[in-house]
Amino acid sequence: MTLLYIVAATLAGGVLSVLIAASLTVGLLARVVKSLVSLSAGVLLGTALLHVLPEAFESPGVDAHELFVTLLGGLLFFFLLEKAELYRHGHHHEGDDPHHHHHHGFDAEQAGRGGWSVLLGDSIHNFCDGIIIAAAFLTDVQLGVVTALAIIAHEIPQEVGDYIVLLNAGLSRARALAYNTISGLAAVLGGVLGYFIVGPWKDFFPYLLVVAASSFVYVAVADLLPQLQRRLAWRETLSQLVWLAVGLAVVVLARGLLHDH
């Protein structure tokens, strides 16, 4: 059953988010993507700091100092991976903000000459997400559900951004959907491999959970929150705070409902 849960969760995280992005019009995507960024930041931080890290540190026989070293190493690893453009996060679209510093045609360049790098980076990101989901489910089914929820919440705005980049570059909806779907399936591959490879090494689960948390924290702090640090009208700022709070509330409520069952 655990493998079935992992496959279902990775399909939802890697493919469902792509289908949601493809089902909406570009205009609607442009309006909702900012709210989704705030929501996913709240979900990622809530999941990492309220559930994944406590689960790792409460594991029997672990050394807190070693877990903190693992957390630091994870943050540095994802920083270097993004430096190599293999852990890309796309949450923008051309013309999304008059203060955005991308020049006209930036999206076309990203999906043109550098398009394969974007897709490769997205695939590696999804593969890592699959392994993270597998480790969480193998630790505890409830933790797996909450972790998958966090990844799905983040994947939707990311896939929306990648989808808009490809459309702005002149690709048809069908081709953009096909490329993003193939990239999304890397999460399923990561989940299945994680189940068979990670499963026998249960003593390392707390460290894998810390790596998962470092991924969530890095994405939220290095990628999502900086996008919210712009001078905005008070209504837009309030909207950001509300969606951030909703993201945190979703994590808390989801965990509470799972405990009740």
Protein backbone atom coordinates (compact mmCIF):
# COMPACT_ATOMS: atom_id res chain seq x y z
CA MET A 1 0.00 0.00 0.00
CA THR A 2 2.85 2.38 0.78
CA LEU A 3 4.15 2.16 -2.78
CA LEU A 4 0.64 2.87 -4.06
CA TYR A 5 0.44 5.95 -1.84
CA ILE A 6 3.81 7.13 -3.14
CA VAL A 7 2.83 6.68 -6.80
CA ALA A 8 -0.51 8.47 -6.26
CA ALA A 9 1.17 11.36 -4.40
CA THR A 10 3.94 11.80 -6.97
CA LEU A 11 1.43 11.68 -9.83
CA ALA A 12 -0.56 14.40 -8.10
CA GLY A 13 2.54 16.49 -7.48
CA GLY A 14 4.15 16.01 -10.87
CA VAL A 15 1.23 15.71 -13.29
CA LEU A 16 -1.90 17.15 -11.64
CA SER A 17 -0.23 20.54 -11.27
CA VAL A 18 0.62 20.53 -14.99
CA LEU A 19 -2.97 19.70 -15.93
CA ILE A 20 -4.30 22.47 -13.69
CA ALA A 21 -1.97 24.97 -15.35
CA ALA A 22 -3.01 23.80 -18.82
CA SER A 23 -6.73 23.98 -18.03
CA LEU A 24 -6.65 27.72 -17.28
CA THR A 25 -6.34 30.62 -19.67
CA VAL A 26 -3.12 32.63 -19.72
CA GLY A 27 -4.97 35.69 -18.43
CA LEU A 28 -6.38 33.79 -15.48
CA LEU A 29 -3.00 32.21 -14.75
CA ALA A 30 -1.47 35.68 -14.65
CA ARG A 31 -4.00 36.79 -12.03
CA VAL A 32 -3.74 33.76 -9.72
CA VAL A 33 -0.03 32.96 -9.86
CA LYS A 34 0.91 35.64 -7.30
CA SER A 35 -1.63 34.33 -4.82
CA LEU A 36 -0.38 30.80 -5.41
CA VAL A 37 3.19 31.89 -4.65
CA SER A 38 2.08 33.29 -1.27
CA LEU A 39 0.03 30.17 -0.55
CA SER A 40 2.84 27.77 -1.43
CA ALA A 41 5.34 29.74 0.70
CA GLY A 42 3.07 29.28 3.71
CA VAL A 43 2.55 25.58 3.00
CA LEU A 44 6.27 24.88 2.50
CA LEU A 45 7.39 26.72 5.64
CA GLY A 46 4.59 25.23 7.71
CA THR A 47 5.36 21.70 6.55
CA ALA A 48 9.12 22.03 7.07
CA LEU A 49 9.09 23.78 10.45
CA LEU A 50 5.95 22.34 12.04
CA HIS A 51 6.03 18.74 10.84
CA VAL A 52 9.05 17.44 8.93
CA LEU A 53 11.83 18.84 11.16
CA PRO A 54 10.07 17.96 14.44
CA GLU A 55 9.51 14.42 13.13
CA ALA A 56 13.22 14.11 12.33
CA PHE A 57 14.44 15.54 15.65
CA GLU A 58 12.03 13.40 17.68
CA SER A 59 13.30 10.20 16.07
CA PRO A 60 14.95 7.88 18.62
CA GLY A 61 18.73 7.65 18.67
CA VAL A 62 19.49 10.69 16.50
CA ASP A 63 22.14 13.32 17.20
CA ALA A 64 20.71 16.85 17.02
CA HIS A 65 24.10 18.28 16.03
CA GLU A 66 24.33 15.87 13.09
CA LEU A 67 20.81 16.81 11.97
CA PHE A 68 21.69 20.53 12.05
CA VAL A 69 24.81 19.80 9.99
CA THR A 70 22.59 17.90 7.53
CA LEU A 71 20.21 20.87 7.40
CA LEU A 72 23.08 23.23 6.62
CA GLY A 73 24.45 20.85 4.00
CA GLY A 74 21.02 20.52 2.40
CA LEU A 75 20.59 24.29 2.12
CA LEU A 76 24.04 24.65 0.55
CA PHE A 77 23.38 21.72 -1.79
CA PHE A 78 20.17 23.23 -3.16
CA PHE A 79 21.88 26.62 -3.45
CA LEU A 80 24.67 25.10 -5.56
CA LEU A 81 22.17 23.09 -7.58
CA GLU A 82 20.26 26.25 -8.43
CA LYS A 83 23.54 27.99 -9.24
CA ALA A 84 24.08 25.27 -11.84
CA GLU A 85 20.56 26.06 -13.15
CA LEU A 86 19.44 22.53 -12.35
CA TYR A 87 16.91 23.48 -9.68
CA ARG A 88 15.00 26.17 -11.49
CA HIS A 89 11.80 27.75 -10.16
CA GLY A 90 9.54 29.55 -12.63
CA HIS A 91 6.81 31.71 -11.10
CA HIS A 92 6.74 34.67 -13.44
CA HIS A 93 5.42 35.51 -16.86
CA GLU A 94 6.27 38.23 -19.30
CA GLY A 95 4.63 41.47 -18.24
CA ASP A 96 3.57 40.14 -14.84
CA ASP A 97 4.89 43.20 -13.07
CA PRO A 98 5.88 46.61 -14.45
CA HIS A 99 8.82 46.56 -12.01
CA HIS A 100 10.00 43.12 -13.11
CA HIS A 101 13.56 43.45 -14.37
CA HIS A 102 13.39 40.83 -17.14
CA HIS A 103 13.74 42.40 -20.57
CA HIS A 104 11.15 41.90 -23.30
CA GLY A 105 11.59 38.52 -24.91
CA PHE A 106 13.15 37.03 -21.78
CA ASP A 107 10.64 34.15 -21.72
CA ALA A 108 11.27 33.34 -25.35
CA GLU A 109 14.98 33.11 -24.66
CA GLN A 110 14.37 30.95 -21.59
CA ALA A 111 12.25 28.47 -23.53
CA GLY A 112 14.34 28.78 -26.66
CA ARG A 113 18.09 28.47 -26.39
CA GLY A 114 17.91 27.71 -22.66
CA GLY A 115 14.66 25.77 -22.80
CA TRP A 116 16.28 22.38 -22.37
CA SER A 117 18.06 23.65 -19.27
CA VAL A 118 14.72 24.78 -17.84
CA LEU A 119 13.10 21.42 -18.56
CA LEU A 120 16.13 19.50 -17.25
CA GLY A 121 16.18 21.54 -14.08
CA ASP A 122 12.43 21.03 -13.60
CA SER A 123 12.85 17.28 -14.12
CA ILE A 124 15.64 17.07 -11.53
CA HIS A 125 13.52 19.13 -9.13
CA ASN A 126 10.58 16.76 -9.64
CA PHE A 127 12.82 13.71 -9.22
CA CYS A 128 14.07 15.08 -5.88
CA ASP A 129 10.48 15.75 -4.85
CA GLY A 130 9.63 12.11 -5.61
CA ILE A 131 12.41 10.83 -3.36
CA ILE A 132 11.32 13.25 -0.62
CA ILE A 133 7.73 11.98 -0.84
CA ALA A 134 8.91 8.35 -0.71
CA ALA A 135 11.03 8.98 2.40
CA ALA A 136 8.15 10.76 4.13
CA PHE A 137 5.64 7.98 3.42
CA LEU A 138 8.12 5.33 4.53
CA THR A 139 8.53 7.21 7.81
CA ASP A 140 4.83 7.79 8.47
CA VAL A 141 1.79 7.83 6.16
CA GLN A 142 0.42 10.99 7.77
CA LEU A 143 3.74 12.75 7.31
CA GLY A 144 3.78 11.54 3.70
CA VAL A 145 0.38 13.09 3.02
CA VAL A 146 1.35 16.45 4.52
CA THR A 147 4.69 16.42 2.64
CA ALA A 148 2.95 15.59 -0.64
CA LEU A 149 0.49 18.42 0.01
CA ALA A 150 3.38 20.86 0.42
CA ILE A 151 5.00 19.70 -2.80
CA ILE A 152 1.72 19.90 -4.75
CA ALA A 153 1.12 23.43 -3.42
CA HIS A 154 4.57 24.48 -4.64
CA GLU A 155 4.43 22.61 -7.94
CA ILE A 156 1.25 24.34 -9.13
CA PRO A 157 2.72 27.89 -9.30
CA GLN A 158 6.03 26.48 -10.58
CA GLU A 159 4.34 24.59 -13.41
CA VAL A 160 2.16 27.62 -14.14
CA GLY A 161 5.33 29.69 -14.55
CA ASP A 162 7.03 27.11 -16.77
CA TYR A 163 3.86 26.69 -18.83
CA ILE A 164 3.55 30.43 -19.46
CA VAL A 165 7.25 30.64 -20.40
CA LEU A 166 6.74 27.97 -23.07
CA LEU A 167 3.57 29.61 -24.38
CA ASN A 168 5.27 33.02 -24.58
CA ALA A 169 8.03 31.36 -26.59
CA GLY A 170 5.51 30.37 -29.25
CA LEU A 171 4.87 26.74 -28.35
CA SER A 172 1.34 25.42 -28.77
CA ARG A 173 -0.66 24.47 -25.69
CA ALA A 174 -0.37 20.80 -26.65
CA ARG A 175 3.45 20.88 -26.90
CA ALA A 176 3.84 22.92 -23.71
CA LEU A 177 1.57 20.46 -21.90
CA ALA A 178 3.47 17.46 -23.29
CA TYR A 179 6.89 18.83 -22.24
CA ASN A 180 5.71 19.73 -18.76
CA THR A 181 3.93 16.39 -18.30
CA ILE A 182 7.07 14.43 -19.23
CA SER A 183 9.02 16.56 -16.77
CA GLY A 184 6.38 15.96 -14.12
CA LEU A 185 6.65 12.19 -14.50
CA ALA A 186 10.19 12.44 -13.12
CA ALA A 187 8.54 12.77 -9.71
CA VAL A 188 6.95 9.33 -10.11
CA LEU A 189 10.31 7.87 -11.11
CA GLY A 190 11.94 9.45 -8.06
CA GLY A 191 9.19 8.15 -5.79
CA VAL A 192 9.39 4.56 -7.04
CA LEU A 193 13.19 4.46 -6.94
CA GLY A 194 13.12 6.08 -3.52
CA TYR A 195 10.78 3.37 -2.24
CA PHE A 196 13.12 0.55 -3.28
CA ILE A 197 16.45 2.29 -2.59
CA VAL A 198 15.64 4.27 0.56
CA GLY A 199 13.40 1.62 2.15
CA PRO A 200 16.14 -0.66 3.54
CA TRP A 201 17.99 2.28 5.15
CA LYS A 202 15.50 3.24 7.84
CA ASP A 203 18.22 4.53 10.17
CA PHE A 204 18.86 7.33 7.67
CA PHE A 205 15.20 8.45 7.47
CA PRO A 206 15.65 11.34 9.95
CA TYR A 207 18.49 12.70 7.81
CA LEU A 208 16.43 12.35 4.62
CA LEU A 209 13.60 14.21 6.31
CA VAL A 210 16.00 17.03 7.21
CA VAL A 211 17.15 17.19 3.58
CA ALA A 212 13.48 17.38 2.55
CA ALA A 213 12.93 20.21 5.03
CA SER A 214 16.01 22.03 3.73
CA SER A 215 14.53 21.84 0.22
CA PHE A 216 11.24 23.35 1.41
CA VAL A 217 12.93 26.09 3.43
CA TYR A 218 15.33 26.94 0.60
CA VAL A 219 12.56 27.25 -1.99
CA ALA A 220 10.41 29.37 0.33
CA VAL A 221 13.16 31.68 1.60
CA ALA A 222 15.37 31.98 -1.50
CA ASP A 223 12.72 31.92 -4.19
CA LEU A 224 9.16 32.59 -3.02
CA LEU A 225 9.43 35.15 -0.21
CA PRO A 226 11.76 37.49 -2.19
CA GLN A 227 9.03 37.72 -4.84
CA LEU A 228 6.67 39.02 -2.15
CA GLN A 229 9.15 41.67 -0.93
CA ARG A 230 8.06 44.40 -3.34
CA ARG A 231 6.45 47.72 -2.53
CA LEU A 232 2.76 47.15 -3.11
CA ALA A 233 -0.54 48.82 -2.30
CA TRP A 234 -1.87 47.87 1.13
CA ARG A 235 -4.62 45.73 -0.43
CA GLU A 236 -2.07 43.61 -2.30
CA THR A 237 0.12 43.32 0.79
CA LEU A 238 -2.89 42.22 2.83
CA SER A 239 -3.74 39.66 0.14
CA GLN A 240 -0.20 38.24 0.36
CA LEU A 241 -0.44 37.92 4.14
CA VAL A 242 -3.86 36.29 3.94
CA TRP A 243 -2.72 33.70 1.40
CA LEU A 244 0.45 33.04 3.42
CA ALA A 245 -1.70 32.47 6.51
CA VAL A 246 -4.04 30.21 4.52
CA GLY A 247 -1.04 28.11 3.50
CA LEU A 248 0.01 27.70 7.14
CA ALA A 249 -3.56 26.94 8.18
CA VAL A 250 -3.91 24.27 5.51
CA VAL A 251 -0.85 22.45 6.87
CA VAL A 252 -2.05 22.65 10.48
CA LEU A 253 -5.60 21.54 9.62
CA ALA A 254 -4.45 18.73 7.34
CA ARG A 255 -2.17 17.31 10.03
CA GLY A 256 -4.93 17.63 12.64
CA LEU A 257 -7.50 15.86 10.46
CA LEU A 258 -5.06 13.04 9.71
CA HIS A 259 -4.34 12.57 13.42
CA ASP A 260 -8.08 12.37 14.12
CA HIS A 261 -8.36 9.47 11.67
